[in-house]
Amino acid sequence: MNIITEQIERDTKGAGDLLDITSEVTAVLNSSALNRGILTVFVVGSTAAITSFEYEPGMIQDMQELYEKIAPRDKHYHHDDTWNDANGFSHVRAALQGPSLTIPFEGGRLFLGTWQQVVLAEFDNRPRERQIIVQIMGE
């Protein structure tokens, strides 16, 4: 079994930015020359997340509206009392969504559905440069 770790960097526009990173993740897998195993995508930081959905304008808007309903920006968060950075909602959203996604692969291809993409969800209240770790375990 081999383990390969690579890093992807993406700039975001701040809260609500949902970025399709499927092609970058696939490129890392392709460069690994591994045939089968599992691939984990992990975003470094506590105000962003990794998820998977059909990346199209309607779904992007649906997800943005869902995050706003679950953890509204204009609600009081105790985190903001601690740091005065007004991004408590960002931490709550990221904690609920989670920082990683694991995808099996075989024949050098990710087991993703036709309309399933890997998405970086930015929740912080300002633009960020995100480091995304792709770790592949396989043979």
C-alpha atoms as a PDB file:
ATOM      1  CA  MET A   1       0.000   0.000   0.000  1.00  0.00           C
ATOM      2  CA  ASN A   2       1.182   3.489  -0.872  1.00  0.00           C
ATOM      3  CA  ILE A   3       0.258   6.800   0.724  1.00  0.00           C
ATOM      4  CA  ILE A   4       0.552   9.986  -1.295  1.00  0.00           C
ATOM      5  CA  THR A   5      -0.158  13.450   0.081  1.00  0.00           C
ATOM      6  CA  GLU A   6      -0.532  16.564  -2.084  1.00  0.00           C
ATOM      7  CA  GLN A   7      -1.756  20.093  -1.462  1.00  0.00           C
ATOM      8  CA  ILE A   8      -4.091  22.261  -3.536  1.00  0.00           C
ATOM      9  CA  GLU A   9      -4.415  26.008  -2.912  1.00  0.00           C
ATOM     10  CA  ARG A  10      -7.548  27.974  -3.782  1.00  0.00           C
ATOM     11  CA  ASP A  11      -8.482  31.585  -3.132  1.00  0.00           C
ATOM     12  CA  THR A  12     -12.037  32.223  -1.986  1.00  0.00           C
ATOM     13  CA  LYS A  13     -14.282  35.281  -1.923  1.00  0.00           C
ATOM     14  CA  GLY A  14     -15.556  34.722   1.617  1.00  0.00           C
ATOM     15  CA  ALA A  15     -18.803  33.412   3.108  1.00  0.00           C
ATOM     16  CA  GLY A  16     -21.064  31.726   0.584  1.00  0.00           C
ATOM     17  CA  ASP A  17     -18.318  30.902  -1.902  1.00  0.00           C
ATOM     18  CA  LEU A  18     -18.778  27.308  -3.065  1.00  0.00           C
ATOM     19  CA  LEU A  19     -16.021  26.080  -5.401  1.00  0.00           C
ATOM     20  CA  ASP A  20     -15.971  22.947  -7.543  1.00  0.00           C
ATOM     21  CA  ILE A  21     -12.548  21.378  -6.931  1.00  0.00           C
ATOM     22  CA  THR A  22     -13.264  18.043  -8.632  1.00  0.00           C
ATOM     23  CA  SER A  23     -10.806  18.617 -11.481  1.00  0.00           C
ATOM     24  CA  GLU A  24      -7.952  19.474  -9.111  1.00  0.00           C
ATOM     25  CA  VAL A  25      -8.675  16.417  -6.958  1.00  0.00           C
ATOM     26  CA  THR A  26      -8.874  14.194 -10.047  1.00  0.00           C
ATOM     27  CA  ALA A  27      -5.555  15.594 -11.303  1.00  0.00           C
ATOM     28  CA  VAL A  28      -3.891  14.610  -8.026  1.00  0.00           C
ATOM     29  CA  LEU A  29      -5.289  11.079  -8.357  1.00  0.00           C
ATOM     30  CA  ASN A  30      -4.150  10.858 -11.986  1.00  0.00           C
ATOM     31  CA  SER A  31      -0.613  11.923 -11.088  1.00  0.00           C
ATOM     32  CA  SER A  32      -0.438   9.289  -8.338  1.00  0.00           C
ATOM     33  CA  ALA A  33      -0.533   6.331 -10.767  1.00  0.00           C
ATOM     34  CA  LEU A  34      -2.460   4.358  -8.128  1.00  0.00           C
ATOM     35  CA  ASN A  35      -5.128   1.971  -9.362  1.00  0.00           C
ATOM     36  CA  ARG A  36      -7.448   1.462  -6.385  1.00  0.00           C
ATOM     37  CA  GLY A  37      -7.904   2.667  -2.844  1.00  0.00           C
ATOM     38  CA  ILE A  38      -9.371   5.667  -1.063  1.00  0.00           C
ATOM     39  CA  LEU A  39      -8.783   9.374  -1.456  1.00  0.00           C
ATOM     40  CA  THR A  40      -9.451  11.889   1.295  1.00  0.00           C
ATOM     41  CA  VAL A  41      -9.926  15.608   0.668  1.00  0.00           C
ATOM     42  CA  PHE A  42      -9.364  17.777   3.773  1.00  0.00           C
ATOM     43  CA  VAL A  43      -9.487  21.565   4.122  1.00  0.00           C
ATOM     44  CA  VAL A  44      -7.161  23.158   6.672  1.00  0.00           C
ATOM     45  CA  GLY A  45      -8.963  25.652   8.919  1.00  0.00           C
ATOM     46  CA  SER A  46     -12.038  25.880  11.102  1.00  0.00           C
ATOM     47  CA  THR A  47     -14.191  28.119   8.887  1.00  0.00           C
ATOM     48  CA  ALA A  48     -14.352  26.058   5.679  1.00  0.00           C
ATOM     49  CA  ALA A  49     -15.592  22.600   4.742  1.00  0.00           C
ATOM     50  CA  ILE A  50     -15.533  19.946   2.040  1.00  0.00           C
ATOM     51  CA  THR A  51     -18.733  18.419   0.709  1.00  0.00           C
ATOM     52  CA  SER A  52     -20.224  16.867  -2.411  1.00  0.00           C
ATOM     53  CA  PHE A  53     -23.271  17.850  -4.427  1.00  0.00           C
ATOM     54  CA  GLU A  54     -24.420  18.511  -7.981  1.00  0.00           C
ATOM     55  CA  TYR A  55     -22.560  21.716  -8.765  1.00  0.00           C
ATOM     56  CA  GLU A  56     -25.100  23.782 -10.700  1.00  0.00           C
ATOM     57  CA  PRO A  57     -26.491  27.292 -10.075  1.00  0.00           C
ATOM     58  CA  GLY A  58     -29.769  26.198  -8.492  1.00  0.00           C
ATOM     59  CA  MET A  59     -28.102  23.798  -6.069  1.00  0.00           C
ATOM     60  CA  ILE A  60     -25.431  26.352  -5.207  1.00  0.00           C
ATOM     61  CA  GLN A  61     -28.168  28.827  -4.277  1.00  0.00           C
ATOM     62  CA  ASP A  62     -30.065  26.129  -2.348  1.00  0.00           C
ATOM     63  CA  MET A  63     -26.947  25.319  -0.307  1.00  0.00           C
ATOM     64  CA  GLN A  64     -26.217  28.991   0.402  1.00  0.00           C
ATOM     65  CA  GLU A  65     -29.809  29.483   1.600  1.00  0.00           C
ATOM     66  CA  LEU A  66     -29.643  26.321   3.725  1.00  0.00           C
ATOM     67  CA  TYR A  67     -26.441  27.466   5.477  1.00  0.00           C
ATOM     68  CA  GLU A  68     -28.055  30.847   6.163  1.00  0.00           C
ATOM     69  CA  LYS A  69     -31.109  29.149   7.726  1.00  0.00           C
ATOM     70  CA  ILE A  70     -29.028  26.777   9.846  1.00  0.00           C
ATOM     71  CA  ALA A  71     -26.514  29.370  11.098  1.00  0.00           C
ATOM     72  CA  PRO A  72     -27.617  32.905  10.189  1.00  0.00           C
ATOM     73  CA  ARG A  73     -24.997  35.635   9.948  1.00  0.00           C
ATOM     74  CA  ASP A  74     -27.061  38.101  11.966  1.00  0.00           C
ATOM     75  CA  LYS A  75     -27.517  35.853  15.020  1.00  0.00           C
ATOM     76  CA  HIS A  76     -25.503  36.349  18.211  1.00  0.00           C
ATOM     77  CA  TYR A  77     -22.668  33.815  18.644  1.00  0.00           C
ATOM     78  CA  HIS A  78     -20.691  33.429  21.857  1.00  0.00           C
ATOM     79  CA  HIS A  79     -17.566  32.876  19.760  1.00  0.00           C
ATOM     80  CA  ASP A  80     -17.833  36.498  18.625  1.00  0.00           C
ATOM     81  CA  ASP A  81     -17.795  37.625  22.271  1.00  0.00           C
ATOM     82  CA  THR A  82     -14.491  35.799  22.712  1.00  0.00           C
ATOM     83  CA  TRP A  83     -12.649  37.078  19.636  1.00  0.00           C
ATOM     84  CA  ASN A  84     -14.733  40.011  18.317  1.00  0.00           C
ATOM     85  CA  ASP A  85     -14.235  38.737  14.768  1.00  0.00           C
ATOM     86  CA  ALA A  86     -17.930  38.382  13.790  1.00  0.00           C
ATOM     87  CA  ASN A  87     -17.429  34.952  12.244  1.00  0.00           C
ATOM     88  CA  GLY A  88     -19.141  32.707  14.785  1.00  0.00           C
ATOM     89  CA  PHE A  89     -21.593  31.670  12.074  1.00  0.00           C
ATOM     90  CA  SER A  90     -18.622  30.535   9.966  1.00  0.00           C
ATOM     91  CA  HIS A  91     -17.334  28.206  12.658  1.00  0.00           C
ATOM     92  CA  VAL A  92     -20.802  26.727  13.268  1.00  0.00           C
ATOM     93  CA  ARG A  93     -21.384  26.069   9.560  1.00  0.00           C
ATOM     94  CA  ALA A  94     -17.966  24.491   9.109  1.00  0.00           C
ATOM     95  CA  ALA A  95     -18.361  22.301  12.193  1.00  0.00           C
ATOM     96  CA  LEU A  96     -21.696  21.000  10.914  1.00  0.00           C
ATOM     97  CA  GLN A  97     -20.510  20.358   7.351  1.00  0.00           C
ATOM     98  CA  GLY A  98     -17.116  18.885   8.265  1.00  0.00           C
ATOM     99  CA  PRO A  99     -13.587  19.394   6.959  1.00  0.00           C
ATOM    100  CA  SER A 100     -13.192  16.254   4.850  1.00  0.00           C
ATOM    101  CA  LEU A 101     -14.637  13.807   2.362  1.00  0.00           C
ATOM    102  CA  THR A 102     -13.382  10.313   1.557  1.00  0.00           C
ATOM    103  CA  ILE A 103     -13.954   8.869  -1.904  1.00  0.00           C
ATOM    104  CA  PRO A 104     -13.068   5.331  -3.041  1.00  0.00           C
ATOM    105  CA  PHE A 105     -11.446   4.828  -6.436  1.00  0.00           C
ATOM    106  CA  GLU A 106     -10.645   1.957  -8.758  1.00  0.00           C
ATOM    107  CA  GLY A 107      -9.120   1.789 -12.196  1.00  0.00           C
ATOM    108  CA  GLY A 108      -7.669   5.206 -11.439  1.00  0.00           C
ATOM    109  CA  ARG A 109     -11.204   6.730 -11.362  1.00  0.00           C
ATOM    110  CA  LEU A 110     -13.053   8.276  -8.443  1.00  0.00           C
ATOM    111  CA  PHE A 111     -16.370   6.632  -7.602  1.00  0.00           C
ATOM    112  CA  LEU A 112     -18.368   9.831  -8.123  1.00  0.00           C
ATOM    113  CA  GLY A 113     -21.801   9.911  -9.675  1.00  0.00           C
ATOM    114  CA  THR A 114     -22.367  11.632 -13.001  1.00  0.00           C
ATOM    115  CA  TRP A 115     -23.648  14.791 -11.301  1.00  0.00           C
ATOM    116  CA  GLN A 116     -21.551  14.578  -8.141  1.00  0.00           C
ATOM    117  CA  GLN A 117     -18.724  17.046  -7.626  1.00  0.00           C
ATOM    118  CA  VAL A 118     -16.280  17.723  -4.779  1.00  0.00           C
ATOM    119  CA  VAL A 119     -16.946  21.185  -3.355  1.00  0.00           C
ATOM    120  CA  LEU A 120     -14.952  23.522  -1.132  1.00  0.00           C
ATOM    121  CA  ALA A 121     -17.387  25.509   1.030  1.00  0.00           C
ATOM    122  CA  GLU A 122     -16.022  28.805   2.315  1.00  0.00           C
ATOM    123  CA  PHE A 123     -17.812  30.119   5.388  1.00  0.00           C
ATOM    124  CA  ASP A 124     -15.454  32.780   6.743  1.00  0.00           C
ATOM    125  CA  ASN A 125     -16.597  36.395   6.606  1.00  0.00           C
ATOM    126  CA  ARG A 126     -13.616  37.447   4.482  1.00  0.00           C
ATOM    127  CA  PRO A 127     -11.696  36.155   1.444  1.00  0.00           C
ATOM    128  CA  ARG A 128      -9.206  33.419   2.305  1.00  0.00           C
ATOM    129  CA  GLU A 129      -6.415  31.429   0.717  1.00  0.00           C
ATOM    130  CA  ARG A 130      -7.302  27.815   1.465  1.00  0.00           C
ATOM    131  CA  GLN A 131      -4.993  24.841   1.670  1.00  0.00           C
ATOM    132  CA  ILE A 132      -6.680  21.596   0.698  1.00  0.00           C
ATOM    133  CA  ILE A 133      -4.898  18.361   1.469  1.00  0.00           C
ATOM    134  CA  VAL A 134      -5.497  15.381  -0.807  1.00  0.00           C
ATOM    135  CA  GLN A 135      -4.247  12.130   0.703  1.00  0.00           C
ATOM    136  CA  ILE A 136      -4.458   8.921  -1.297  1.00  0.00           C
ATOM    137  CA  MET A 137      -4.030   5.427   0.123  1.00  0.00           C
ATOM    138  CA  GLY A 138      -3.937   2.598  -2.360  1.00  0.00           C
ATOM    139  CA  GLU A 139      -2.069   0.359  -4.693  1.00  0.00           C
END
